[in-house]
């Protein structure tokens, strides 16, 4: 969550975290997210490490989906151990480009 809020802030978007269904009436848009954590070992190591293996972001305005973005590791991609911040920032950037926001 902190990585997502930082990526939004870098784009000039202020955000607040709410439980599902509890956003305030004046909220302009809703960003719904889900993340999956997996475990694996890095090359030449026996110590398991947690990493974000999937992230889904959906931006909604007035109950309508505006744009979605997904990150998912596949197989032995080396980026699977990259930071959460890198993954989330990349997704937010893709959402902005996709919608011209």
PDB file of N, CA and C in Angstrom:
ATOM      1  N   UNK A   1       0.807  -1.203   0.000  1.00  0.00           N
ATOM      2  CA  UNK A   1       0.000   0.000   0.000  1.00  0.00           C
ATOM      3  C   UNK A   1       0.850   1.267   0.000  1.00  0.00           C
ATOM      4  N   UNK A   2       1.894   1.355   0.828  1.00  0.00           N
ATOM      5  CA  UNK A   2       2.711   2.577   0.779  1.00  0.00           C
ATOM      6  C   UNK A   2       3.328   2.826  -0.601  1.00  0.00           C
ATOM      7  N   UNK A   3       3.739   1.775  -1.285  1.00  0.00           N
ATOM      8  CA  UNK A   3       4.325   1.935  -2.622  1.00  0.00           C
ATOM      9  C   UNK A   3       3.286   2.473  -3.599  1.00  0.00           C
ATOM     10  N   UNK A   4       2.060   2.019  -3.493  1.00  0.00           N
ATOM     11  CA  UNK A   4       0.989   2.491  -4.366  1.00  0.00           C
ATOM     12  C   UNK A   4       0.680   3.952  -4.088  1.00  0.00           C
ATOM     13  N   UNK A   5       0.576   4.312  -2.830  1.00  0.00           N
ATOM     14  CA  UNK A   5       0.280   5.707  -2.495  1.00  0.00           C
ATOM     15  C   UNK A   5       1.420   6.630  -2.935  1.00  0.00           C
ATOM     16  N   UNK A   6       2.658   6.176  -2.836  1.00  0.00           N
ATOM     17  CA  UNK A   6       3.797   6.975  -3.277  1.00  0.00           C
ATOM     18  C   UNK A   6       3.760   7.161  -4.793  1.00  0.00           C
ATOM     19  N   UNK A   7       3.456   6.108  -5.535  1.00  0.00           N
ATOM     20  CA  UNK A   7       3.366   6.203  -7.002  1.00  0.00           C
ATOM     21  C   UNK A   7       2.270   7.186  -7.410  1.00  0.00           C
ATOM     22  N   UNK A   8       1.152   7.169  -6.707  1.00  0.00           N
ATOM     23  CA  UNK A   8       0.069   8.111  -7.000  1.00  0.00           C
ATOM     24  C   UNK A   8       0.488   9.538  -6.658  1.00  0.00           C
ATOM     25  N   UNK A   9       1.125   9.706  -5.513  1.00  0.00           N
ATOM     26  CA  UNK A   9       1.576  11.024  -5.078  1.00  0.00           C
ATOM     27  C   UNK A   9       2.556  11.618  -6.086  1.00  0.00           C
ATOM     28  N   UNK A  10       3.441  10.795  -6.649  1.00  0.00           N
ATOM     29  CA  UNK A  10       4.395  11.274  -7.651  1.00  0.00           C
ATOM     30  C   UNK A  10       3.690  11.772  -8.908  1.00  0.00           C
ATOM     31  N   UNK A  11       2.479  11.320  -9.126  1.00  0.00           N
ATOM     32  CA  UNK A  11       1.664  11.767 -10.262  1.00  0.00           C
ATOM     33  C   UNK A  11       0.725  12.909  -9.872  1.00  0.00           C
ATOM     34  N   UNK A  12       0.848  13.395  -8.628  1.00  0.00           N
ATOM     35  CA  UNK A  12       0.016  14.507  -8.174  1.00  0.00           C
ATOM     36  C   UNK A  12      -1.360  14.094  -7.703  1.00  0.00           C
ATOM     37  N   UNK A  13      -1.532  12.818  -7.392  1.00  0.00           N
ATOM     38  CA  UNK A  13      -2.833  12.301  -6.950  1.00  0.00           C
ATOM     39  C   UNK A  13      -2.775  12.022  -5.449  1.00  0.00           C
ATOM     40  N   UNK A  14      -3.647  12.680  -4.695  1.00  0.00           N
ATOM     41  CA  UNK A  14      -3.713  12.376  -3.260  1.00  0.00           C
ATOM     42  C   UNK A  14      -4.645  11.187  -3.077  1.00  0.00           C
ATOM     43  N   UNK A  15      -4.336  10.365  -2.098  1.00  0.00           N
ATOM     44  CA  UNK A  15      -5.144   9.161  -1.889  1.00  0.00           C
ATOM     45  C   UNK A  15      -5.346   8.907  -0.409  1.00  0.00           C
ATOM     46  N   UNK A  16      -6.416   8.226  -0.118  1.00  0.00           N
ATOM     47  CA  UNK A  16      -6.749   7.791   1.240  1.00  0.00           C
ATOM     48  C   UNK A  16      -7.156   6.328   1.141  1.00  0.00           C
ATOM     49  N   UNK A  17      -6.937   5.581   2.213  1.00  0.00           N
ATOM     50  CA  UNK A  17      -7.286   4.173   2.231  1.00  0.00           C
ATOM     51  C   UNK A  17      -8.592   4.004   2.996  1.00  0.00           C
ATOM     52  N   UNK A  18      -9.543   3.294   2.399  1.00  0.00           N
ATOM     53  CA  UNK A  18     -10.842   3.028   3.010  1.00  0.00           C
ATOM     54  C   UNK A  18     -11.151   1.541   2.902  1.00  0.00           C
ATOM     55  N   UNK A  19     -11.914   1.057   3.831  1.00  0.00           N
ATOM     56  CA  UNK A  19     -12.422  -0.308   3.724  1.00  0.00           C
ATOM     57  C   UNK A  19     -13.432  -0.348   2.583  1.00  0.00           C
ATOM     58  N   UNK A  20     -13.610  -1.507   1.956  1.00  0.00           N
ATOM     59  CA  UNK A  20     -14.573  -1.599   0.849  1.00  0.00           C
ATOM     60  C   UNK A  20     -15.948  -1.053   1.237  1.00  0.00           C
ATOM     61  N   UNK A  21     -16.482  -0.206   0.363  1.00  0.00           N
ATOM     62  CA  UNK A  21     -17.825   0.338   0.568  1.00  0.00           C
ATOM     63  C   UNK A  21     -17.909   1.495   1.540  1.00  0.00           C
ATOM     64  N   UNK A  22     -16.778   2.023   2.001  1.00  0.00           N
ATOM     65  CA  UNK A  22     -16.827   3.100   3.002  1.00  0.00           C
ATOM     66  C   UNK A  22     -16.207   4.406   2.519  1.00  0.00           C
ATOM     67  N   UNK A  23     -15.987   4.588   1.226  1.00  0.00           N
ATOM     68  CA  UNK A  23     -15.385   5.829   0.738  1.00  0.00           C
ATOM     69  C   UNK A  23     -16.373   6.979   0.942  1.00  0.00           C
ATOM     70  N   UNK A  24     -15.854   8.193   1.152  1.00  0.00           N
ATOM     71  CA  UNK A  24     -16.730   9.343   1.400  1.00  0.00           C
ATOM     72  C   UNK A  24     -17.516   9.738   0.151  1.00  0.00           C
ATOM     73  N   UNK A  25     -18.639  10.420   0.321  1.00  0.00           N
ATOM     74  CA  UNK A  25     -19.481  10.802  -0.821  1.00  0.00           C
ATOM     75  C   UNK A  25     -18.768  11.665  -1.854  1.00  0.00           C
ATOM     76  N   UNK A  26     -17.803  12.503  -1.474  1.00  0.00           N
ATOM     77  CA  UNK A  26     -17.128  13.392  -2.408  1.00  0.00           C
ATOM     78  C   UNK A  26     -15.944  12.770  -3.128  1.00  0.00           C
ATOM     79  N   UNK A  27     -15.754  11.471  -2.990  1.00  0.00           N
ATOM     80  CA  UNK A  27     -14.611  10.799  -3.599  1.00  0.00           C
ATOM     81  C   UNK A  27     -14.766  10.808  -5.123  1.00  0.00           C
ATOM     82  N   UNK A  28     -13.769  11.353  -5.833  1.00  0.00           N
ATOM     83  CA  UNK A  28     -13.827  11.461  -7.294  1.00  0.00           C
ATOM     84  C   UNK A  28     -13.686  10.124  -8.007  1.00  0.00           C
ATOM     85  N   UNK A  29     -12.795   9.280  -7.487  1.00  0.00           N
ATOM     86  CA  UNK A  29     -12.525   8.008  -8.143  1.00  0.00           C
ATOM     87  C   UNK A  29     -12.097   6.991  -7.097  1.00  0.00           C
ATOM     88  N   UNK A  30     -12.237   5.749  -7.451  1.00  0.00           N
ATOM     89  CA  UNK A  30     -11.893   4.650  -6.559  1.00  0.00           C
ATOM     90  C   UNK A  30     -10.879   3.764  -7.265  1.00  0.00           C
ATOM     91  N   UNK A  31      -9.766   3.497  -6.587  1.00  0.00           N
ATOM     92  CA  UNK A  31      -8.756   2.601  -7.134  1.00  0.00           C
ATOM     93  C   UNK A  31      -8.793   1.322  -6.318  1.00  0.00           C
ATOM     94  N   UNK A  32      -9.250   0.256  -6.943  1.00  0.00           N
ATOM     95  CA  UNK A  32      -9.365  -1.042  -6.280  1.00  0.00           C
ATOM     96  C   UNK A  32      -8.110  -1.831  -6.617  1.00  0.00           C
ATOM     97  N   UNK A  33      -7.519  -2.459  -5.615  1.00  0.00           N
ATOM     98  CA  UNK A  33      -6.292  -3.199  -5.856  1.00  0.00           C
ATOM     99  C   UNK A  33      -6.333  -4.562  -5.182  1.00  0.00           C
ATOM    100  N   UNK A  34      -5.576  -5.469  -5.735  1.00  0.00           N
ATOM    101  CA  UNK A  34      -5.333  -6.753  -5.080  1.00  0.00           C
ATOM    102  C   UNK A  34      -3.892  -7.128  -5.388  1.00  0.00           C
ATOM    103  N   UNK A  35      -3.286  -7.830  -4.456  1.00  0.00           N
ATOM    104  CA  UNK A  35      -1.895  -8.231  -4.622  1.00  0.00           C
ATOM    105  C   UNK A  35      -1.718  -9.652  -4.115  1.00  0.00           C
ATOM    106  N   UNK A  36      -0.864 -10.390  -4.782  1.00  0.00           N
ATOM    107  CA  UNK A  36      -0.555 -11.761  -4.396  1.00  0.00           C
ATOM    108  C   UNK A  36       0.928 -11.854  -4.088  1.00  0.00           C
ATOM    109  N   UNK A  37       1.240 -12.449  -2.954  1.00  0.00           N
ATOM    110  CA  UNK A  37       2.628 -12.646  -2.550  1.00  0.00           C
ATOM    111  C   UNK A  37       2.991 -14.115  -2.733  1.00  0.00           C
ATOM    112  N   UNK A  38       4.157 -14.350  -3.300  1.00  0.00           N
ATOM    113  CA  UNK A  38       4.670 -15.710  -3.461  1.00  0.00           C
ATOM    114  C   UNK A  38       6.035 -15.798  -2.798  1.00  0.00           C
ATOM    115  N   UNK A  39       6.519 -17.026  -2.665  1.00  0.00           N
ATOM    116  CA  UNK A  39       7.833 -17.268  -2.065  1.00  0.00           C
ATOM    117  C   UNK A  39       8.689 -18.060  -3.031  1.00  0.00           C
ATOM    118  N   UNK A  40       9.978 -17.727  -3.077  1.00  0.00           N
ATOM    119  CA  UNK A  40      10.920 -18.474  -3.904  1.00  0.00           C
ATOM    120  C   UNK A  40      12.325 -18.168  -3.397  1.00  0.00           C
ATOM    121  N   UNK A  41      13.299 -18.820  -3.954  1.00  0.00           N
ATOM    122  CA  UNK A  41      14.686 -18.555  -3.593  1.00  0.00           C
ATOM    123  C   UNK A  41      15.395 -17.901  -4.769  1.00  0.00           C
ATOM    124  N   UNK A  42      16.299 -16.996  -4.449  1.00  0.00           N
ATOM    125  CA  UNK A  42      17.120 -16.365  -5.486  1.00  0.00           C
ATOM    126  C   UNK A  42      18.205 -17.350  -5.925  1.00  0.00           C
ATOM    127  N   UNK A  43      18.787 -17.080  -7.054  1.00  0.00           N
ATOM    128  CA  UNK A  43      19.884 -17.927  -7.542  1.00  0.00           C
ATOM    129  C   UNK A  43      21.009 -17.959  -6.512  1.00  0.00           C
ATOM    130  N   UNK A  44      21.566 -19.109  -6.326  1.00  0.00           N
ATOM    131  CA  UNK A  44      22.693 -19.325  -5.410  1.00  0.00           C
ATOM    132  C   UNK A  44      22.342 -19.069  -3.947  1.00  0.00           C
ATOM    133  N   UNK A  45      21.071 -19.234  -3.600  1.00  0.00           N
ATOM    134  CA  UNK A  45      20.640 -19.045  -2.214  1.00  0.00           C
ATOM    135  C   UNK A  45      19.630 -20.125  -1.856  1.00  0.00           C
ATOM    136  N   UNK A  46      19.611 -20.500  -0.599  1.00  0.00           N
ATOM    137  CA  UNK A  46      18.621 -21.463  -0.123  1.00  0.00           C
ATOM    138  C   UNK A  46      17.564 -20.802   0.747  1.00  0.00           C
ATOM    139  N   UNK A  47      17.701 -19.484   0.953  1.00  0.00           N
ATOM    140  CA  UNK A  47      16.769 -18.762   1.814  1.00  0.00           C
ATOM    141  C   UNK A  47      15.560 -18.290   1.005  1.00  0.00           C
ATOM    142  N   UNK A  48      14.353 -18.723   1.361  1.00  0.00           N
ATOM    143  CA  UNK A  48      13.162 -18.262   0.642  1.00  0.00           C
ATOM    144  C   UNK A  48      12.910 -16.774   0.911  1.00  0.00           C
ATOM    145  N   UNK A  49      12.395 -16.103  -0.097  1.00  0.00           N
ATOM    146  CA  UNK A  49      12.096 -14.680   0.004  1.00  0.00           C
ATOM    147  C   UNK A  49      10.711 -14.425  -0.574  1.00  0.00           C
ATOM    148  N   UNK A  50       9.954 -13.536   0.078  1.00  0.00           N
ATOM    149  CA  UNK A  50       8.617 -13.180  -0.405  1.00  0.00           C
ATOM    150  C   UNK A  50       8.739 -12.098  -1.480  1.00  0.00           C
ATOM    151  N   UNK A  51       7.871 -12.155  -2.478  1.00  0.00           N
ATOM    152  CA  UNK A  51       7.837 -11.133  -3.525  1.00  0.00           C
ATOM    153  C   UNK A  51       6.417 -11.005  -4.043  1.00  0.00           C
ATOM    154  N   UNK A  52       6.099  -9.837  -4.605  1.00  0.00           N
ATOM    155  CA  UNK A  52       4.788  -9.636  -5.212  1.00  0.00           C
ATOM    156  C   UNK A  52       4.762 -10.358  -6.550  1.00  0.00           C
ATOM    157  N   UNK A  53       3.902 -11.354  -6.655  1.00  0.00           N
ATOM    158  CA  UNK A  53       3.846 -12.124  -7.898  1.00  0.00           C
ATOM    159  C   UNK A  53       2.706 -11.675  -8.807  1.00  0.00           C
ATOM    160  N   UNK A  54       1.736 -10.966  -8.258  1.00  0.00           N
ATOM    161  CA  UNK A  54       0.640 -10.440  -9.084  1.00  0.00           C
ATOM    162  C   UNK A  54       0.046  -9.214  -8.407  1.00  0.00           C
ATOM    163  N   UNK A  55      -0.265  -8.218  -9.224  1.00  0.00           N
ATOM    164  CA  UNK A  55      -0.921  -7.004  -8.749  1.00  0.00           C
ATOM    165  C   UNK A  55      -1.987  -6.643  -9.774  1.00  0.00           C
ATOM    166  N   UNK A  56      -3.185  -6.360  -9.290  1.00  0.00           N
ATOM    167  CA  UNK A  56      -4.272  -5.887 -10.149  1.00  0.00           C
ATOM    168  C   UNK A  56      -4.732  -4.534  -9.645  1.00  0.00           C
ATOM    169  N   UNK A  57      -4.832  -3.556 -10.558  1.00  0.00           N
ATOM    170  CA  UNK A  57      -5.343  -2.231 -10.233  1.00  0.00           C
ATOM    171  C   UNK A  57      -6.514  -1.929 -11.151  1.00  0.00           C
ATOM    172  N   UNK A  58      -7.597  -1.421 -10.590  1.00  0.00           N
ATOM    173  CA  UNK A  58      -8.769  -1.025 -11.367  1.00  0.00           C
ATOM    174  C   UNK A  58      -9.210   0.350 -10.905  1.00  0.00           C
ATOM    175  N   UNK A  59      -9.205   1.320 -11.810  1.00  0.00           N
ATOM    176  CA  UNK A  59      -9.655   2.669 -11.504  1.00  0.00           C
ATOM    177  C   UNK A  59     -11.108   2.799 -11.926  1.00  0.00           C
ATOM    178  N   UNK A  60     -11.940   3.216 -10.973  1.00  0.00           N
ATOM    179  CA  UNK A  60     -13.376   3.349 -11.244  1.00  0.00           C
ATOM    180  C   UNK A  60     -13.820   4.776 -10.953  1.00  0.00           C
ATOM    181  N   UNK A  61     -14.720   5.273 -11.779  1.00  0.00           N
ATOM    182  CA  UNK A  61     -15.310   6.596 -11.583  1.00  0.00           C
ATOM    183  C   UNK A  61     -16.810   6.459 -11.808  1.00  0.00           C
ATOM    184  N   UNK A  62     -17.579   6.894 -10.834  1.00  0.00           N
ATOM    185  CA  UNK A  62     -19.042   6.816 -10.879  1.00  0.00           C
ATOM    186  C   UNK A  62     -19.517   5.397 -11.177  1.00  0.00           C
ATOM    187  N   UNK A  63     -18.852   4.418 -10.579  1.00  0.00           N
ATOM    188  CA  UNK A  63     -19.242   3.023 -10.717  1.00  0.00           C
ATOM    189  C   UNK A  63     -18.823   2.360 -12.018  1.00  0.00           C
ATOM    190  N   UNK A  64     -18.133   3.087 -12.890  1.00  0.00           N
ATOM    191  CA  UNK A  64     -17.703   2.544 -14.184  1.00  0.00           C
ATOM    192  C   UNK A  64     -16.185   2.351 -14.188  1.00  0.00           C
ATOM    193  N   UNK A  65     -15.740   1.256 -14.777  1.00  0.00           N
ATOM    194  CA  UNK A  65     -14.304   1.001 -14.899  1.00  0.00           C
ATOM    195  C   UNK A  65     -13.726   1.976 -15.922  1.00  0.00           C
ATOM    196  N   UNK A  66     -12.676   2.699 -15.501  1.00  0.00           N
ATOM    197  CA  UNK A  66     -12.003   3.645 -16.377  1.00  0.00           C
ATOM    198  C   UNK A  66     -10.805   2.980 -17.043  1.00  0.00           C
ATOM    199  N   UNK A  67      -9.996   2.291 -16.241  1.00  0.00           N
ATOM    200  CA  UNK A  67      -8.806   1.626 -16.767  1.00  0.00           C
ATOM    201  C   UNK A  67      -8.364   0.558 -15.764  1.00  0.00           C
ATOM    202  N   UNK A  68      -7.727  -0.483 -16.279  1.00  0.00           N
ATOM    203  CA  UNK A  68      -7.181  -1.540 -15.423  1.00  0.00           C
ATOM    204  C   UNK A  68      -5.731  -1.790 -15.817  1.00  0.00           C
ATOM    205  N   UNK A  69      -4.983  -2.365 -14.887  1.00  0.00           N
ATOM    206  CA  UNK A  69      -3.601  -2.747 -15.171  1.00  0.00           C
ATOM    207  C   UNK A  69      -3.278  -3.976 -14.335  1.00  0.00           C
ATOM    208  N   UNK A  70      -2.423  -4.843 -14.877  1.00  0.00           N
ATOM    209  CA  UNK A  70      -2.057  -6.072 -14.176  1.00  0.00           C
ATOM    210  C   UNK A  70      -0.566  -6.339 -14.347  1.00  0.00           C
ATOM    211  N   UNK A  71       0.053  -6.755 -13.263  1.00  0.00           N
ATOM    212  CA  UNK A  71       1.425  -7.239 -13.275  1.00  0.00           C
ATOM    213  C   UNK A  71       1.376  -8.683 -12.802  1.00  0.00           C
ATOM    214  N   UNK A  72       2.101  -9.538 -13.488  1.00  0.00           N
ATOM    215  CA  UNK A  72       2.150 -10.939 -13.075  1.00  0.00           C
ATOM    216  C   UNK A  72       3.499 -11.524 -13.474  1.00  0.00           C
ATOM    217  N   UNK A  73       4.120 -12.213 -12.534  1.00  0.00           N
ATOM    218  CA  UNK A  73       5.373 -12.883 -12.871  1.00  0.00           C
ATOM    219  C   UNK A  73       5.039 -14.159 -13.634  1.00  0.00           C
ATOM    220  N   UNK A  74       5.912 -14.518 -14.505  1.00  0.00           N
ATOM    221  CA  UNK A  74       5.737 -15.744 -15.277  1.00  0.00           C
ATOM    222  C   UNK A  74       7.033 -16.537 -15.208  1.00  0.00           C
ATOM    223  N   UNK A  75       6.941 -17.747 -14.773  1.00  0.00           N
ATOM    224  CA  UNK A  75       8.115 -18.609 -14.754  1.00  0.00           C
ATOM    225  C   UNK A  75       9.249 -18.056 -13.927  1.00  0.00           C
ATOM    226  N   UNK A  76      10.407 -18.010 -14.529  1.00  0.00           N
ATOM    227  CA  UNK A  76      11.604 -17.586 -13.808  1.00  0.00           C
ATOM    228  C   UNK A  76      12.031 -16.167 -14.165  1.00  0.00           C
ATOM    229  N   UNK A  77      11.074 -15.289 -14.459  1.00  0.00           N
ATOM    230  CA  UNK A  77      11.419 -13.905 -14.782  1.00  0.00           C
ATOM    231  C   UNK A  77      12.297 -13.305 -13.693  1.00  0.00           C
ATOM    232  N   UNK A  78      13.364 -12.656 -14.093  1.00  0.00           N
ATOM    233  CA  UNK A  78      14.273 -12.064 -13.116  1.00  0.00           C
ATOM    234  C   UNK A  78      13.642 -10.878 -12.399  1.00  0.00           C
ATOM    235  N   UNK A  79      12.626 -10.246 -12.987  1.00  0.00           N
ATOM    236  CA  UNK A  79      12.015  -9.090 -12.337  1.00  0.00           C
ATOM    237  C   UNK A  79      11.106  -9.462 -11.168  1.00  0.00           C
ATOM    238  N   UNK A  80      10.895 -10.745 -10.958  1.00  0.00           N
ATOM    239  CA  UNK A  80       9.991 -11.130  -9.870  1.00  0.00           C
ATOM    240  C   UNK A  80      10.503 -10.680  -8.514  1.00  0.00           C
ATOM    241  N   UNK A  81      11.802 -10.499  -8.364  1.00  0.00           N
ATOM    242  CA  UNK A  81      12.377 -10.041  -7.102  1.00  0.00           C
ATOM    243  C   UNK A  81      12.589  -8.529  -7.062  1.00  0.00           C
ATOM    244  N   UNK A  82      12.158  -7.826  -8.095  1.00  0.00           N
ATOM    245  CA  UNK A  82      12.288  -6.366  -8.062  1.00  0.00           C
ATOM    246  C   UNK A  82      11.364  -5.813  -6.975  1.00  0.00           C
ATOM    247  N   UNK A  83      11.604  -4.592  -6.578  1.00  0.00           N
ATOM    248  CA  UNK A  83      10.876  -4.019  -5.444  1.00  0.00           C
ATOM    249  C   UNK A  83       9.395  -3.802  -5.765  1.00  0.00           C
ATOM    250  N   UNK A  84       8.609  -3.807  -4.719  1.00  0.00           N
ATOM    251  CA  UNK A  84       7.177  -3.510  -4.861  1.00  0.00           C
ATOM    252  C   UNK A  84       6.993  -2.133  -5.473  1.00  0.00           C
ATOM    253  N   UNK A  85       7.831  -1.199  -5.061  1.00  0.00           N
ATOM    254  CA  UNK A  85       7.734   0.170  -5.568  1.00  0.00           C
ATOM    255  C   UNK A  85       7.918   0.202  -7.085  1.00  0.00           C
ATOM    256  N   UNK A  86       8.908  -0.520  -7.612  1.00  0.00           N
ATOM    257  CA  UNK A  86       9.129  -0.553  -9.061  1.00  0.00           C
ATOM    258  C   UNK A  86       7.928  -1.136  -9.785  1.00  0.00           C
ATOM    259  N   UNK A  87       7.392  -2.217  -9.266  1.00  0.00           N
ATOM    260  CA  UNK A  87       6.256  -2.883  -9.909  1.00  0.00           C
ATOM    261  C   UNK A  87       5.025  -1.989  -9.922  1.00  0.00           C
ATOM    262  N   UNK A  88       4.722  -1.388  -8.788  1.00  0.00           N
ATOM    263  CA  UNK A  88       3.519  -0.555  -8.678  1.00  0.00           C
ATOM    264  C   UNK A  88       3.668   0.727  -9.498  1.00  0.00           C
ATOM    265  N   UNK A  89       4.835   1.351  -9.446  1.00  0.00           N
ATOM    266  CA  UNK A  89       5.050   2.573 -10.228  1.00  0.00           C
ATOM    267  C   UNK A  89       4.876   2.289 -11.715  1.00  0.00           C
ATOM    268  N   UNK A  90       5.380   1.160 -12.176  1.00  0.00           N
ATOM    269  CA  UNK A  90       5.226   0.769 -13.576  1.00  0.00           C
ATOM    270  C   UNK A  90       3.746   0.610 -13.941  1.00  0.00           C
ATOM    271  N   UNK A  91       2.979  -0.003 -13.050  1.00  0.00           N
ATOM    272  CA  UNK A  91       1.547  -0.180 -13.320  1.00  0.00           C
ATOM    273  C   UNK A  91       0.810   1.145 -13.370  1.00  0.00           C
ATOM    274  N   UNK A  92       1.098   2.030 -12.434  1.00  0.00           N
ATOM    275  CA  UNK A  92       0.446   3.344 -12.431  1.00  0.00           C
ATOM    276  C   UNK A  92       0.813   4.090 -13.708  1.00  0.00           C
ATOM    277  N   UNK A  93       2.070   4.019 -14.120  1.00  0.00           N
ATOM    278  CA  UNK A  93       2.486   4.656 -15.375  1.00  0.00           C
ATOM    279  C   UNK A  93       1.717   4.091 -16.565  1.00  0.00           C
ATOM    280  N   UNK A  94       1.523   2.783 -16.600  1.00  0.00           N
ATOM    281  CA  UNK A  94       0.770   2.160 -17.706  1.00  0.00           C
ATOM    282  C   UNK A  94      -0.671   2.635 -17.714  1.00  0.00           C
ATOM    283  N   UNK A  95      -1.255   2.792 -16.536  1.00  0.00           N
ATOM    284  CA  UNK A  95      -2.636   3.263 -16.453  1.00  0.00           C
ATOM    285  C   UNK A  95      -2.752   4.696 -16.976  1.00  0.00           C
ATOM    286  N   UNK A  96      -1.790   5.525 -16.645  1.00  0.00           N
ATOM    287  CA  UNK A  96      -1.796   6.921 -17.096  1.00  0.00           C
ATOM    288  C   UNK A  96      -1.648   6.990 -18.614  1.00  0.00           C
ATOM    289  N   UNK A  97      -0.740   6.215 -19.167  1.00  0.00           N
ATOM    290  CA  UNK A  97      -0.529   6.203 -20.627  1.00  0.00           C
ATOM    291  C   UNK A  97      -1.765   5.656 -21.334  1.00  0.00           C
ATOM    292  N   UNK A  98      -2.357   4.590 -20.782  1.00  0.00           N
ATOM    293  CA  UNK A  98      -3.522   3.958 -21.422  1.00  0.00           C
ATOM    294  C   UNK A  98      -4.701   4.916 -21.514  1.00  0.00           C
ATOM    295  N   UNK A  99      -4.845   5.777 -20.530  1.00  0.00           N
ATOM    296  CA  UNK A  99      -5.986   6.691 -20.506  1.00  0.00           C
ATOM    297  C   UNK A  99      -5.618   8.107 -20.888  1.00  0.00           C
ATOM    298  N   UNK A 100      -4.331   8.381 -21.077  1.00  0.00           N
ATOM    299  CA  UNK A 100      -3.905   9.751 -21.378  1.00  0.00           C
ATOM    300  C   UNK A 100      -4.203  10.679 -20.213  1.00  0.00           C
ATOM    301  N   UNK A 101      -4.119  10.147 -18.995  1.00  0.00           N
ATOM    302  CA  UNK A 101      -4.445  10.955 -17.814  1.00  0.00           C
ATOM    303  C   UNK A 101      -3.329  11.911 -17.474  1.00  0.00           C
TER     304      UNK A 101
END
